[in-house]
Amino acid sequence: LCFNWEAKGEILRRGSDFFWTVHFVNEAHHWAFESMIIDGFTRRNLTRLIQTELIRGNYKVAEKYIDLLGSAMFQKKIANHYALFLDDREAMQNDPELGPRLNTHMTEDFFSEGMDLEINLRSLIANEPFNLRAYDYLMALLLLEKKIDQVREALPGYLRASGGIVPSLLDEGLLVYQITHREEDISPLQVSPSAIQRFDDYTRVLRQYRDQNEAARILYPTFGNSFWFYLNFVSLPNQ
């Protein structure tokens, strides 16, 4: 989920993939370009640079990358695919990779914080409140860091972006928040009945064991994929 800026090809490629996924096109381009400096004109690097240059409207540069990709053995098909977009903006709108990112509108410029994923995600969301991919990553990061208060704070915006759909892990996190903030939580957000029932089952088993290792062993087959199990039994290296 998290990448530190390192001048290593695999880190740079994966970093570009991450920023592409959350529609941060300029930063996806940045990491792909750095990867190209280290690894050269690989198919993966050239494809990403073609994508980002097309979206940014730099068609002459995109065409140069397309020509480079097409000159390689077995790469003409993908090069020809992207060549179609050089003079057809409407076709780009309909492309499943390019279209959604073409419609990403940044209301203000901001500097990327290469080593601070949370700041980058919050900046993206501030610019594009309905960027569900960015919200998904932000919520996953907050859950990993066990920042339940911040999960609750960000949840209304997430629900607007997701159309009211609450993934099970967020449902479980919200329940933890409500239990630990009974007196101050007056929000209309509701936990699903299925999450409440599952939590009752979880705590009933948990109370039967004083030994934490034994409790974890018994709970894991049924609840190992729950946020509650992670909260009770898993610690990240910096926690």
Protein backbone atom coordinates (compact mmCIF):
# COMPACT_ATOMS: atom_id res chain seq x y z
CA LEU A 1 0.00 0.00 0.00
CA CYS A 2 2.74 2.50 0.92
CA PHE A 3 5.83 3.37 -1.09
CA ASN A 4 8.88 5.32 -0.03
CA TRP A 5 10.67 7.22 -2.76
CA GLU A 6 13.64 5.08 -3.78
CA ALA A 7 15.59 5.11 -7.04
CA LYS A 8 14.86 1.43 -7.67
CA GLY A 9 13.07 0.27 -10.78
CA GLU A 10 10.48 -1.96 -9.14
CA ILE A 11 9.58 0.62 -6.48
CA LEU A 12 9.20 3.31 -9.15
CA ARG A 13 7.05 1.10 -11.37
CA ARG A 14 4.76 0.13 -8.53
CA GLY A 15 4.60 3.73 -7.37
CA SER A 16 3.51 4.80 -10.84
CA ASP A 17 0.83 2.09 -10.78
CA PHE A 18 -0.46 3.35 -7.44
CA PHE A 19 -0.71 6.98 -8.54
CA TRP A 20 -2.32 5.90 -11.81
CA THR A 21 -4.91 3.91 -9.86
CA VAL A 22 -5.92 6.92 -7.75
CA HIS A 23 -6.00 9.20 -10.84
CA PHE A 24 -2.96 11.29 -9.84
CA VAL A 25 -1.80 11.43 -13.45
CA ASN A 26 1.09 13.87 -13.08
CA GLU A 27 2.67 11.84 -10.29
CA ALA A 28 2.11 8.58 -12.17
CA HIS A 29 4.01 10.20 -15.04
CA HIS A 30 6.77 11.36 -12.68
CA TRP A 31 7.42 7.89 -11.26
CA ALA A 32 7.23 6.24 -14.70
CA PHE A 33 9.73 8.74 -16.11
CA GLU A 34 12.13 8.07 -13.23
CA SER A 35 11.71 4.35 -13.85
CA MET A 36 12.53 4.87 -17.53
CA ILE A 37 15.77 6.62 -16.58
CA ILE A 38 16.83 3.53 -14.61
CA ASP A 39 15.37 0.68 -16.69
CA GLY A 40 15.15 2.22 -20.15
CA PHE A 41 12.34 1.98 -22.70
CA THR A 42 10.50 -1.05 -21.34
CA ARG A 43 6.97 -1.83 -22.47
CA ARG A 44 5.59 -1.00 -19.04
CA ASN A 45 7.34 2.37 -18.81
CA LEU A 46 6.51 3.39 -22.37
CA THR A 47 2.86 2.39 -22.01
CA ARG A 48 2.45 4.46 -18.86
CA LEU A 49 4.21 7.47 -20.41
CA ILE A 50 1.98 7.20 -23.48
CA GLN A 51 -1.10 7.12 -21.26
CA THR A 52 -0.09 10.10 -19.16
CA GLU A 53 1.02 12.22 -22.12
CA LEU A 54 -2.25 11.53 -23.95
CA ILE A 55 -4.29 12.58 -20.94
CA ARG A 56 -2.19 15.70 -20.44
CA GLY A 57 -2.67 16.63 -24.09
CA ASN A 58 1.00 16.32 -25.04
CA TYR A 59 0.26 14.49 -28.29
CA LYS A 60 3.62 15.03 -30.01
CA VAL A 61 5.46 13.57 -27.03
CA ALA A 62 2.94 10.72 -26.81
CA GLU A 63 3.50 10.00 -30.51
CA LYS A 64 7.26 9.70 -29.96
CA TYR A 65 6.70 7.16 -27.19
CA ILE A 66 4.19 5.29 -29.38
CA ASP A 67 6.77 5.09 -32.18
CA LEU A 68 9.37 3.77 -29.74
CA LEU A 69 6.98 1.14 -28.42
CA GLY A 70 5.89 0.13 -31.91
CA SER A 71 9.47 -0.36 -33.04
CA ALA A 72 9.91 -3.20 -30.54
CA MET A 73 9.14 -6.77 -31.53
CA PHE A 74 5.64 -7.92 -30.49
CA GLN A 75 4.59 -4.44 -29.28
CA LYS A 76 2.96 -3.07 -32.44
CA LYS A 77 -0.55 -4.07 -31.36
CA ILE A 78 -0.51 -2.01 -28.17
CA ALA A 79 1.28 0.86 -29.94
CA ASN A 80 -1.40 0.90 -32.64
CA HIS A 81 -4.08 0.89 -29.95
CA TYR A 82 -2.80 4.11 -28.41
CA ALA A 83 -2.04 5.68 -31.80
CA LEU A 84 -5.81 5.79 -32.40
CA PHE A 85 -6.17 8.39 -29.64
CA LEU A 86 -3.73 10.91 -31.10
CA ASP A 87 -6.45 12.57 -33.17
CA ASP A 88 -9.62 11.27 -31.53
CA ARG A 89 -10.48 12.80 -28.16
CA GLU A 90 -13.90 11.14 -28.15
CA ALA A 91 -12.34 7.70 -28.47
CA MET A 92 -10.10 8.53 -25.53
CA GLN A 93 -13.20 9.39 -23.48
CA ASN A 94 -14.59 5.93 -24.16
CA ASP A 95 -11.39 4.06 -23.30
CA PRO A 96 -11.68 2.27 -19.91
CA GLU A 97 -8.16 3.31 -18.86
CA LEU A 98 -7.94 6.83 -20.25
CA GLY A 99 -11.53 8.02 -20.03
CA PRO A 100 -11.98 8.11 -16.23
CA ARG A 101 -8.65 9.89 -15.78
CA LEU A 102 -9.38 12.32 -18.59
CA ASN A 103 -12.42 13.44 -16.61
CA THR A 104 -10.46 14.02 -13.41
CA HIS A 105 -10.58 17.72 -12.64
CA MET A 106 -8.14 19.28 -10.19
CA THR A 107 -9.54 22.50 -8.75
CA GLU A 108 -6.16 23.64 -7.47
CA ASP A 109 -2.50 22.73 -7.86
CA PHE A 110 -0.57 21.04 -5.06
CA PHE A 111 2.87 19.56 -4.59
CA SER A 112 3.10 15.81 -4.23
CA GLU A 113 4.52 14.59 -0.93
CA GLY A 114 6.36 11.56 -2.28
CA MET A 115 6.86 9.88 1.10
CA ASP A 116 3.58 10.91 2.73
CA LEU A 117 0.80 8.84 1.25
CA GLU A 118 -1.91 10.26 3.51
CA ILE A 119 -1.19 13.87 2.52
CA ASN A 120 -1.24 12.94 -1.17
CA LEU A 121 -4.56 11.13 -0.82
CA ARG A 122 -6.18 13.93 1.18
CA SER A 123 -4.98 16.49 -1.38
CA LEU A 124 -6.48 14.42 -4.18
CA ILE A 125 -9.79 14.09 -2.36
CA ALA A 126 -9.88 17.81 -1.58
CA ASN A 127 -9.53 18.45 -5.32
CA GLU A 128 -11.91 15.70 -6.40
CA PRO A 129 -14.35 14.75 -3.59
CA PHE A 130 -15.86 11.86 -5.59
CA ASN A 131 -12.55 10.12 -6.28
CA LEU A 132 -13.55 6.76 -4.83
CA ARG A 133 -10.21 5.09 -5.60
CA ALA A 134 -8.38 7.71 -3.54
CA TYR A 135 -10.93 7.32 -0.74
CA ASP A 136 -10.51 3.53 -0.78
CA TYR A 137 -6.76 3.88 -0.32
CA LEU A 138 -7.15 6.53 2.38
CA MET A 139 -9.59 4.42 4.37
CA ALA A 140 -7.37 1.34 4.01
CA LEU A 141 -4.40 3.35 5.27
CA LEU A 142 -6.32 4.70 8.27
CA LEU A 143 -7.57 1.22 9.17
CA LEU A 144 -4.05 -0.20 8.89
CA GLU A 145 -2.82 2.51 11.25
CA LYS A 146 -5.83 1.92 13.53
CA LYS A 147 -6.87 5.59 13.35
CA ILE A 148 -10.52 4.94 14.13
CA ASP A 149 -11.33 8.59 14.89
CA GLN A 150 -10.08 9.64 11.46
CA VAL A 151 -11.99 6.81 9.78
CA ARG A 152 -15.18 8.10 11.38
CA GLU A 153 -14.34 11.67 10.37
CA ALA A 154 -13.76 10.72 6.73
CA LEU A 155 -16.73 8.36 6.45
CA PRO A 156 -19.42 10.89 5.37
CA GLY A 157 -17.28 11.96 2.41
CA TYR A 158 -16.56 8.34 1.56
CA LEU A 159 -20.27 7.54 1.54
CA ARG A 160 -20.95 10.40 -0.87
CA ALA A 161 -18.24 9.08 -3.20
CA SER A 162 -19.37 5.44 -2.93
CA GLY A 163 -23.08 6.11 -3.30
CA GLY A 164 -23.76 4.99 0.26
CA ILE A 165 -22.00 1.62 -0.02
CA VAL A 166 -20.00 0.72 3.10
CA PRO A 167 -17.38 -2.06 2.78
CA SER A 168 -17.45 -4.58 5.61
CA LEU A 169 -14.11 -3.44 7.11
CA LEU A 170 -15.36 0.16 7.39
CA ASP A 171 -18.59 -1.14 8.90
CA GLU A 172 -16.54 -2.98 11.51
CA GLY A 173 -14.35 0.05 12.15
CA LEU A 174 -17.40 2.28 12.63
CA LEU A 175 -18.77 -0.17 15.20
CA VAL A 176 -15.52 0.05 17.17
CA TYR A 177 -15.75 3.85 17.09
CA GLN A 178 -19.34 3.83 18.33
CA ILE A 179 -18.51 1.44 21.17
CA THR A 180 -15.52 3.52 22.30
CA HIS A 181 -17.33 6.88 21.90
CA ARG A 182 -20.79 6.01 23.21
CA GLU A 183 -21.38 9.32 24.97
CA GLU A 184 -20.14 11.66 22.23
CA ASP A 185 -21.23 9.91 19.03
CA ILE A 186 -24.54 11.46 17.98
CA SER A 187 -24.13 10.97 14.23
CA PRO A 188 -26.85 9.31 12.13
CA LEU A 189 -24.37 6.76 10.75
CA GLN A 190 -25.60 3.24 11.37
CA VAL A 191 -23.71 -0.03 11.61
CA SER A 192 -25.30 -2.92 9.72
CA PRO A 193 -27.16 -5.56 11.78
CA SER A 194 -24.92 -8.26 10.30
CA ALA A 195 -21.79 -6.49 11.61
CA ILE A 196 -23.34 -6.19 15.07
CA GLN A 197 -24.21 -9.89 15.12
CA ARG A 198 -20.75 -10.87 13.91
CA PHE A 199 -19.13 -8.67 16.55
CA ASP A 200 -21.25 -10.32 19.25
CA ASP A 201 -20.04 -13.70 18.02
CA TYR A 202 -16.44 -12.45 17.98
CA THR A 203 -16.50 -11.05 21.51
CA ARG A 204 -18.28 -14.12 22.89
CA VAL A 205 -15.40 -16.32 21.72
CA LEU A 206 -12.77 -13.76 22.77
CA ARG A 207 -14.05 -13.66 26.36
CA GLN A 208 -13.58 -17.40 26.71
CA TYR A 209 -9.77 -17.19 26.53
CA ARG A 210 -7.36 -15.39 28.81
CA ASP A 211 -4.37 -16.45 26.73
CA GLN A 212 -4.17 -14.07 23.76
CA ASN A 213 -2.27 -16.52 21.56
CA GLU A 214 -4.87 -19.19 22.11
CA ALA A 215 -7.69 -16.71 21.48
CA ALA A 216 -6.06 -15.63 18.21
CA ARG A 217 -5.67 -19.25 17.12
CA ILE A 218 -9.33 -20.03 17.75
CA LEU A 219 -10.65 -16.79 16.24
CA TYR A 220 -8.50 -16.73 13.12
CA PRO A 221 -10.38 -19.27 10.94
CA THR A 222 -13.65 -17.34 11.27
CA PHE A 223 -12.59 -13.78 12.02
CA GLY A 224 -9.05 -13.51 10.66
CA ASN A 225 -10.24 -11.20 7.87
CA SER A 226 -12.07 -8.85 10.23
CA PHE A 227 -10.91 -5.44 11.42
CA TRP A 228 -11.51 -6.52 15.02
CA PHE A 229 -9.02 -9.37 14.73
CA TYR A 230 -6.46 -6.99 13.21
CA LEU A 231 -7.12 -4.44 15.95
CA ASN A 232 -6.63 -6.97 18.75
CA PHE A 233 -3.87 -9.21 17.47
CA VAL A 234 -1.84 -7.56 14.68
CA SER A 235 0.74 -4.80 15.03
CA LEU A 236 2.65 -3.09 12.24
CA PRO A 237 6.42 -2.64 12.78
CA ASN A 238 6.08 1.04 13.69
CA GLN A 239 3.14 0.58 16.05
